[in-house]
Amino acid sequence: MTPFSAALAELGVRLPLRLCDEESGSVLDADDMEVFVVDANRDLSDESATAIADLLVDAVNARGAA
């Protein structure tokens, strides 16, 4: 476990993160707990919110594996 993933685990977040299938922009951890939502106010299109969330998920998961 990397220091980064250990810090997340201490906060109750278990990697890997993934996009939620039901809610655009919503990100879940390995235990299906919602970790964050991109564009909670729904100012962006679903496509944009999902694209941003996907980039953030990739970055966090890569950092956790490094």
PDB file of N, CA and C in Angstrom:
ATOM      1  N   MET A   1       0.854  -1.179   0.000  1.00  0.00           N
ATOM      2  CA  MET A   1       0.000   0.000   0.000  1.00  0.00           C
ATOM      3  C   MET A   1       0.900   1.243   0.000  1.00  0.00           C
ATOM      4  N   THR A   2       0.634   2.152  -0.901  1.00  0.00           N
ATOM      5  CA  THR A   2       1.425   3.376  -0.973  1.00  0.00           C
ATOM      6  C   THR A   2       1.004   4.342   0.141  1.00  0.00           C
ATOM      7  N   PRO A   3       1.848   5.304   0.478  1.00  0.00           N
ATOM      8  CA  PRO A   3       1.446   6.313   1.469  1.00  0.00           C
ATOM      9  C   PRO A   3       0.161   7.037   1.054  1.00  0.00           C
ATOM     10  N   PHE A   4       0.005   7.279  -0.246  1.00  0.00           N
ATOM     11  CA  PHE A   4      -1.185   7.963  -0.743  1.00  0.00           C
ATOM     12  C   PHE A   4      -2.436   7.117  -0.496  1.00  0.00           C
ATOM     13  N   SER A   5      -2.389   5.851  -0.887  1.00  0.00           N
ATOM     14  CA  SER A   5      -3.559   4.994  -0.689  1.00  0.00           C
ATOM     15  C   SER A   5      -3.789   4.728   0.797  1.00  0.00           C
ATOM     16  N   ALA A   6      -2.719   4.691   1.591  1.00  0.00           N
ATOM     17  CA  ALA A   6      -2.866   4.528   3.039  1.00  0.00           C
ATOM     18  C   ALA A   6      -3.568   5.738   3.649  1.00  0.00           C
ATOM     19  N   ALA A   7      -3.214   6.929   3.178  1.00  0.00           N
ATOM     20  CA  ALA A   7      -3.873   8.148   3.681  1.00  0.00           C
ATOM     21  C   ALA A   7      -5.354   8.143   3.322  1.00  0.00           C
ATOM     22  N   LEU A   8      -5.668   7.717   2.103  1.00  0.00           N
ATOM     23  CA  LEU A   8      -7.075   7.624   1.714  1.00  0.00           C
ATOM     24  C   LEU A   8      -7.800   6.582   2.572  1.00  0.00           C
ATOM     25  N   ALA A   9      -7.150   5.437   2.802  1.00  0.00           N
ATOM     26  CA  ALA A   9      -7.758   4.387   3.619  1.00  0.00           C
ATOM     27  C   ALA A   9      -8.038   4.880   5.030  1.00  0.00           C
ATOM     28  N   GLU A  10      -7.133   5.687   5.570  1.00  0.00           N
ATOM     29  CA  GLU A  10      -7.357   6.273   6.894  1.00  0.00           C
ATOM     30  C   GLU A  10      -8.596   7.150   6.929  1.00  0.00           C
ATOM     31  N   LEU A  11      -8.905   7.734   5.783  1.00  0.00           N
ATOM     32  CA  LEU A  11     -10.098   8.582   5.663  1.00  0.00           C
ATOM     33  C   LEU A  11     -11.334   7.782   5.260  1.00  0.00           C
ATOM     34  N   GLY A  12     -11.178   6.471   5.145  1.00  0.00           N
ATOM     35  CA  GLY A  12     -12.315   5.615   4.819  1.00  0.00           C
ATOM     36  C   GLY A  12     -12.548   5.415   3.337  1.00  0.00           C
ATOM     37  N   VAL A  13     -11.559   5.743   2.510  1.00  0.00           N
ATOM     38  CA  VAL A  13     -11.687   5.596   1.059  1.00  0.00           C
ATOM     39  C   VAL A  13     -10.773   4.466   0.608  1.00  0.00           C
ATOM     40  N   ARG A  14     -11.349   3.466  -0.068  1.00  0.00           N
ATOM     41  CA  ARG A  14     -10.573   2.329  -0.537  1.00  0.00           C
ATOM     42  C   ARG A  14     -10.495   2.336  -2.057  1.00  0.00           C
ATOM     43  N   LEU A  15      -9.256   2.274  -2.561  1.00  0.00           N
ATOM     44  CA  LEU A  15      -9.027   2.256  -4.004  1.00  0.00           C
ATOM     45  C   LEU A  15      -9.260   0.854  -4.555  1.00  0.00           C
ATOM     46  N   PRO A  16      -9.612   0.740  -5.824  1.00  0.00           N
ATOM     47  CA  PRO A  16      -9.661   1.787  -6.841  1.00  0.00           C
ATOM     48  C   PRO A  16     -10.999   2.527  -6.837  1.00  0.00           C
ATOM     49  N   LEU A  17     -10.916   3.779  -7.283  1.00  0.00           N
ATOM     50  CA  LEU A  17     -12.128   4.553  -7.516  1.00  0.00           C
ATOM     51  C   LEU A  17     -12.704   4.145  -8.864  1.00  0.00           C
ATOM     52  N   ARG A  18     -13.994   4.416  -9.053  1.00  0.00           N
ATOM     53  CA  ARG A  18     -14.649   4.147 -10.331  1.00  0.00           C
ATOM     54  C   ARG A  18     -15.827   5.091 -10.503  1.00  0.00           C
ATOM     55  N   LEU A  19     -16.236   5.248 -11.746  1.00  0.00           N
ATOM     56  CA  LEU A  19     -17.412   6.060 -12.035  1.00  0.00           C
ATOM     57  C   LEU A  19     -18.666   5.299 -11.639  1.00  0.00           C
ATOM     58  N   CYS A  20     -19.643   6.030 -11.149  1.00  0.00           N
ATOM     59  CA  CYS A  20     -20.943   5.451 -10.839  1.00  0.00           C
ATOM     60  C   CYS A  20     -21.716   5.261 -12.148  1.00  0.00           C
ATOM     61  N   ASP A  21     -22.341   4.112 -12.311  1.00  0.00           N
ATOM     62  CA  ASP A  21     -23.109   3.841 -13.528  1.00  0.00           C
ATOM     63  C   ASP A  21     -24.437   4.593 -13.567  1.00  0.00           C
ATOM     64  N   GLU A  22     -24.978   4.931 -12.418  1.00  0.00           N
ATOM     65  CA  GLU A  22     -26.305   5.535 -12.357  1.00  0.00           C
ATOM     66  C   GLU A  22     -26.315   7.063 -12.350  1.00  0.00           C
ATOM     67  N   GLU A  23     -25.257   7.680 -11.843  1.00  0.00           N
ATOM     68  CA  GLU A  23     -25.221   9.133 -11.678  1.00  0.00           C
ATOM     69  C   GLU A  23     -24.021   9.733 -12.391  1.00  0.00           C
ATOM     70  N   SER A  24     -24.263  10.607 -13.342  1.00  0.00           N
ATOM     71  CA  SER A  24     -23.172  11.265 -14.072  1.00  0.00           C
ATOM     72  C   SER A  24     -22.327  12.102 -13.127  1.00  0.00           C
ATOM     73  N   GLY A  25     -21.018  11.933 -13.210  1.00  0.00           N
ATOM     74  CA  GLY A  25     -20.093  12.721 -12.409  1.00  0.00           C
ATOM     75  C   GLY A  25     -19.858  12.213 -11.008  1.00  0.00           C
ATOM     76  N   SER A  26     -20.553  11.153 -10.612  1.00  0.00           N
ATOM     77  CA  SER A  26     -20.393  10.609  -9.272  1.00  0.00           C
ATOM     78  C   SER A  26     -19.292   9.552  -9.276  1.00  0.00           C
ATOM     79  N   VAL A  27     -18.443   9.591  -8.242  1.00  0.00           N
ATOM     80  CA  VAL A  27     -17.305   8.679  -8.140  1.00  0.00           C
ATOM     81  C   VAL A  27     -17.439   7.856  -6.857  1.00  0.00           C
ATOM     82  N   LEU A  28     -17.253   6.552  -7.017  1.00  0.00           N
ATOM     83  CA  LEU A  28     -17.377   5.608  -5.914  1.00  0.00           C
ATOM     84  C   LEU A  28     -16.032   4.961  -5.630  1.00  0.00           C
ATOM     85  N   ASP A  29     -15.866   4.492  -4.385  1.00  0.00           N
ATOM     86  CA  ASP A  29     -14.649   3.749  -4.067  1.00  0.00           C
ATOM     87  C   ASP A  29     -14.910   2.257  -4.224  1.00  0.00           C
ATOM     88  N   ALA A  30     -13.945   1.436  -3.832  1.00  0.00           N
ATOM     89  CA  ALA A  30     -14.050  -0.013  -4.009  1.00  0.00           C
ATOM     90  C   ALA A  30     -15.176  -0.624  -3.178  1.00  0.00           C
ATOM     91  N   ASP A  31     -15.642   0.088  -2.155  1.00  0.00           N
ATOM     92  CA  ASP A  31     -16.751  -0.386  -1.321  1.00  0.00           C
ATOM     93  C   ASP A  31     -18.085   0.225  -1.741  1.00  0.00           C
ATOM     94  N   ASP A  32     -18.116   0.856  -2.910  1.00  0.00           N
ATOM     95  CA  ASP A  32     -19.318   1.513  -3.454  1.00  0.00           C
ATOM     96  C   ASP A  32     -19.774   2.721  -2.635  1.00  0.00           C
ATOM     97  N   MET A  33     -18.850   3.309  -1.871  1.00  0.00           N
ATOM     98  CA  MET A  33     -19.172   4.534  -1.143  1.00  0.00           C
ATOM     99  C   MET A  33     -18.912   5.728  -2.075  1.00  0.00           C
ATOM    100  N   GLU A  34     -19.859   6.656  -2.123  1.00  0.00           N
ATOM    101  CA  GLU A  34     -19.647   7.856  -2.934  1.00  0.00           C
ATOM    102  C   GLU A  34     -18.548   8.689  -2.289  1.00  0.00           C
ATOM    103  N   VAL A  35     -17.534   9.023  -3.100  1.00  0.00           N
ATOM    104  CA  VAL A  35     -16.387   9.772  -2.603  1.00  0.00           C
ATOM    105  C   VAL A  35     -16.504  11.236  -2.980  1.00  0.00           C
ATOM    106  N   PHE A  36     -16.878  11.498  -4.223  1.00  0.00           N
ATOM    107  CA  PHE A  36     -17.106  12.878  -4.651  1.00  0.00           C
ATOM    108  C   PHE A  36     -17.981  12.906  -5.894  1.00  0.00           C
ATOM    109  N   VAL A  37     -18.502  14.108  -6.160  1.00  0.00           N
ATOM    110  CA  VAL A  37     -19.335  14.348  -7.337  1.00  0.00           C
ATOM    111  C   VAL A  37     -18.751  15.534  -8.084  1.00  0.00           C
ATOM    112  N   VAL A  38     -18.545  15.357  -9.370  1.00  0.00           N
ATOM    113  CA  VAL A  38     -18.119  16.457 -10.227  1.00  0.00           C
ATOM    114  C   VAL A  38     -19.384  17.179 -10.672  1.00  0.00           C
ATOM    115  N   ASP A  39     -19.416  18.485 -10.484  1.00  0.00           N
ATOM    116  CA  ASP A  39     -20.533  19.323 -10.915  1.00  0.00           C
ATOM    117  C   ASP A  39     -21.837  18.990 -10.191  1.00  0.00           C
ATOM    118  N   ALA A  40     -21.794  19.059  -8.873  1.00  0.00           N
ATOM    119  CA  ALA A  40     -22.982  18.768  -8.064  1.00  0.00           C
ATOM    120  C   ALA A  40     -24.152  19.687  -8.389  1.00  0.00           C
ATOM    121  N   ASN A  41     -23.880  20.890  -8.869  1.00  0.00           N
ATOM    122  CA  ASN A  41     -24.951  21.830  -9.220  1.00  0.00           C
ATOM    123  C   ASN A  41     -25.494  21.622 -10.621  1.00  0.00           C
ATOM    124  N   ARG A  42     -24.888  20.678 -11.363  1.00  0.00           N
ATOM    125  CA  ARG A  42     -25.345  20.306 -12.701  1.00  0.00           C
ATOM    126  C   ARG A  42     -25.284  21.476 -13.684  1.00  0.00           C
ATOM    127  N   ASP A  43     -24.204  22.240 -13.599  1.00  0.00           N
ATOM    128  CA  ASP A  43     -23.985  23.332 -14.548  1.00  0.00           C
ATOM    129  C   ASP A  43     -23.396  22.830 -15.867  1.00  0.00           C
ATOM    130  N   LEU A  44     -22.694  21.691 -15.819  1.00  0.00           N
ATOM    131  CA  LEU A  44     -22.071  21.113 -17.005  1.00  0.00           C
ATOM    132  C   LEU A  44     -22.979  20.060 -17.621  1.00  0.00           C
ATOM    133  N   SER A  45     -22.692  19.702 -18.852  1.00  0.00           N
ATOM    134  CA  SER A  45     -23.411  18.583 -19.466  1.00  0.00           C
ATOM    135  C   SER A  45     -22.985  17.298 -18.765  1.00  0.00           C
ATOM    136  N   ASP A  46     -23.814  16.268 -18.873  1.00  0.00           N
ATOM    137  CA  ASP A  46     -23.452  14.974 -18.293  1.00  0.00           C
ATOM    138  C   ASP A  46     -22.152  14.461 -18.889  1.00  0.00           C
ATOM    139  N   GLU A  47     -21.966  14.691 -20.180  1.00  0.00           N
ATOM    140  CA  GLU A  47     -20.757  14.230 -20.858  1.00  0.00           C
ATOM    141  C   GLU A  47     -19.515  14.910 -20.292  1.00  0.00           C
ATOM    142  N   SER A  48     -19.590  16.218 -20.067  1.00  0.00           N
ATOM    143  CA  SER A  48     -18.443  16.949 -19.512  1.00  0.00           C
ATOM    144  C   SER A  48     -18.154  16.525 -18.078  1.00  0.00           C
ATOM    145  N   ALA A  49     -19.190  16.406 -17.271  1.00  0.00           N
ATOM    146  CA  ALA A  49     -19.009  15.985 -15.879  1.00  0.00           C
ATOM    147  C   ALA A  49     -18.392  14.590 -15.813  1.00  0.00           C
ATOM    148  N   THR A  50     -18.849  13.694 -16.674  1.00  0.00           N
ATOM    149  CA  THR A  50     -18.318  12.333 -16.694  1.00  0.00           C
ATOM    150  C   THR A  50     -16.868  12.320 -17.164  1.00  0.00           C
ATOM    151  N   ALA A  51     -16.542  13.125 -18.161  1.00  0.00           N
ATOM    152  CA  ALA A  51     -15.171  13.183 -18.672  1.00  0.00           C
ATOM    153  C   ALA A  51     -14.216  13.699 -17.590  1.00  0.00           C
ATOM    154  N   ILE A  52     -14.622  14.722 -16.860  1.00  0.00           N
ATOM    155  CA  ILE A  52     -13.788  15.260 -15.779  1.00  0.00           C
ATOM    156  C   ILE A  52     -13.634  14.216 -14.677  1.00  0.00           C
ATOM    157  N   ALA A  53     -14.736  13.592 -14.285  1.00  0.00           N
ATOM    158  CA  ALA A  53     -14.687  12.565 -13.244  1.00  0.00           C
ATOM    159  C   ALA A  53     -13.778  11.419 -13.661  1.00  0.00           C
ATOM    160  N   ASP A  54     -13.843  11.023 -14.922  1.00  0.00           N
ATOM    161  CA  ASP A  54     -13.017   9.932 -15.423  1.00  0.00           C
ATOM    162  C   ASP A  54     -11.531  10.285 -15.342  1.00  0.00           C
ATOM    163  N   LEU A  55     -11.175  11.513 -15.692  1.00  0.00           N
ATOM    164  CA  LEU A  55      -9.785  11.952 -15.594  1.00  0.00           C
ATOM    165  C   LEU A  55      -9.299  11.944 -14.141  1.00  0.00           C
ATOM    166  N   LEU A  56     -10.137  12.401 -13.231  1.00  0.00           N
ATOM    167  CA  LEU A  56      -9.767  12.429 -11.819  1.00  0.00           C
ATOM    168  C   LEU A  56      -9.636  11.016 -11.249  1.00  0.00           C
ATOM    169  N   VAL A  57     -10.539  10.135 -11.640  1.00  0.00           N
ATOM    170  CA  VAL A  57     -10.459   8.737 -11.210  1.00  0.00           C
ATOM    171  C   VAL A  57      -9.154   8.110 -11.671  1.00  0.00           C
ATOM    172  N   ASP A  58      -8.820   8.321 -12.956  1.00  0.00           N
ATOM    173  CA  ASP A  58      -7.562   7.786 -13.487  1.00  0.00           C
ATOM    174  C   ASP A  58      -6.358   8.323 -12.718  1.00  0.00           C
ATOM    175  N   ALA A  59      -6.354   9.607 -12.418  1.00  0.00           N
ATOM    176  CA  ALA A  59      -5.224  10.225 -11.718  1.00  0.00           C
ATOM    177  C   ALA A  59      -5.094   9.683 -10.292  1.00  0.00           C
ATOM    178  N   VAL A  60      -6.189   9.600  -9.572  1.00  0.00           N
ATOM    179  CA  VAL A  60      -6.151   9.107  -8.183  1.00  0.00           C
ATOM    180  C   VAL A  60      -5.732   7.647  -8.164  1.00  0.00           C
ATOM    181  N   ASN A  61      -6.310   6.822  -9.037  1.00  0.00           N
ATOM    182  CA  ASN A  61      -5.951   5.405  -9.068  1.00  0.00           C
ATOM    183  C   ASN A  61      -4.490   5.204  -9.440  1.00  0.00           C
ATOM    184  N   ALA A  62      -3.987   5.994 -10.377  1.00  0.00           N
ATOM    185  CA  ALA A  62      -2.577   5.881 -10.762  1.00  0.00           C
ATOM    186  C   ALA A  62      -1.672   6.281  -9.606  1.00  0.00           C
ATOM    187  N   ARG A  63      -2.022   7.331  -8.924  1.00  0.00           N
ATOM    188  CA  ARG A  63      -1.224   7.787  -7.781  1.00  0.00           C
ATOM    189  C   ARG A  63      -1.235   6.750  -6.666  1.00  0.00           C
ATOM    190  N   GLY A  64      -2.380   6.129  -6.455  1.00  0.00           N
ATOM    191  CA  GLY A  64      -2.491   5.100  -5.418  1.00  0.00           C
ATOM    192  C   GLY A  64      -1.696   3.855  -5.724  1.00  0.00           C
ATOM    193  N   ALA A  65      -1.473   3.580  -7.017  1.00  0.00           N
ATOM    194  CA  ALA A  65      -0.733   2.397  -7.417  1.00  0.00           C
ATOM    195  C   ALA A  65       0.775   2.658  -7.508  1.00  0.00           C
ATOM    196  N   ALA A  66       1.162   3.934  -7.555  1.00  0.00           N
ATOM    197  CA  ALA A  66       2.577   4.278  -7.757  1.00  0.00           C
ATOM    198  C   ALA A  66       3.428   4.012  -6.538  1.00  0.00           C
TER     199      ALA A  66
END
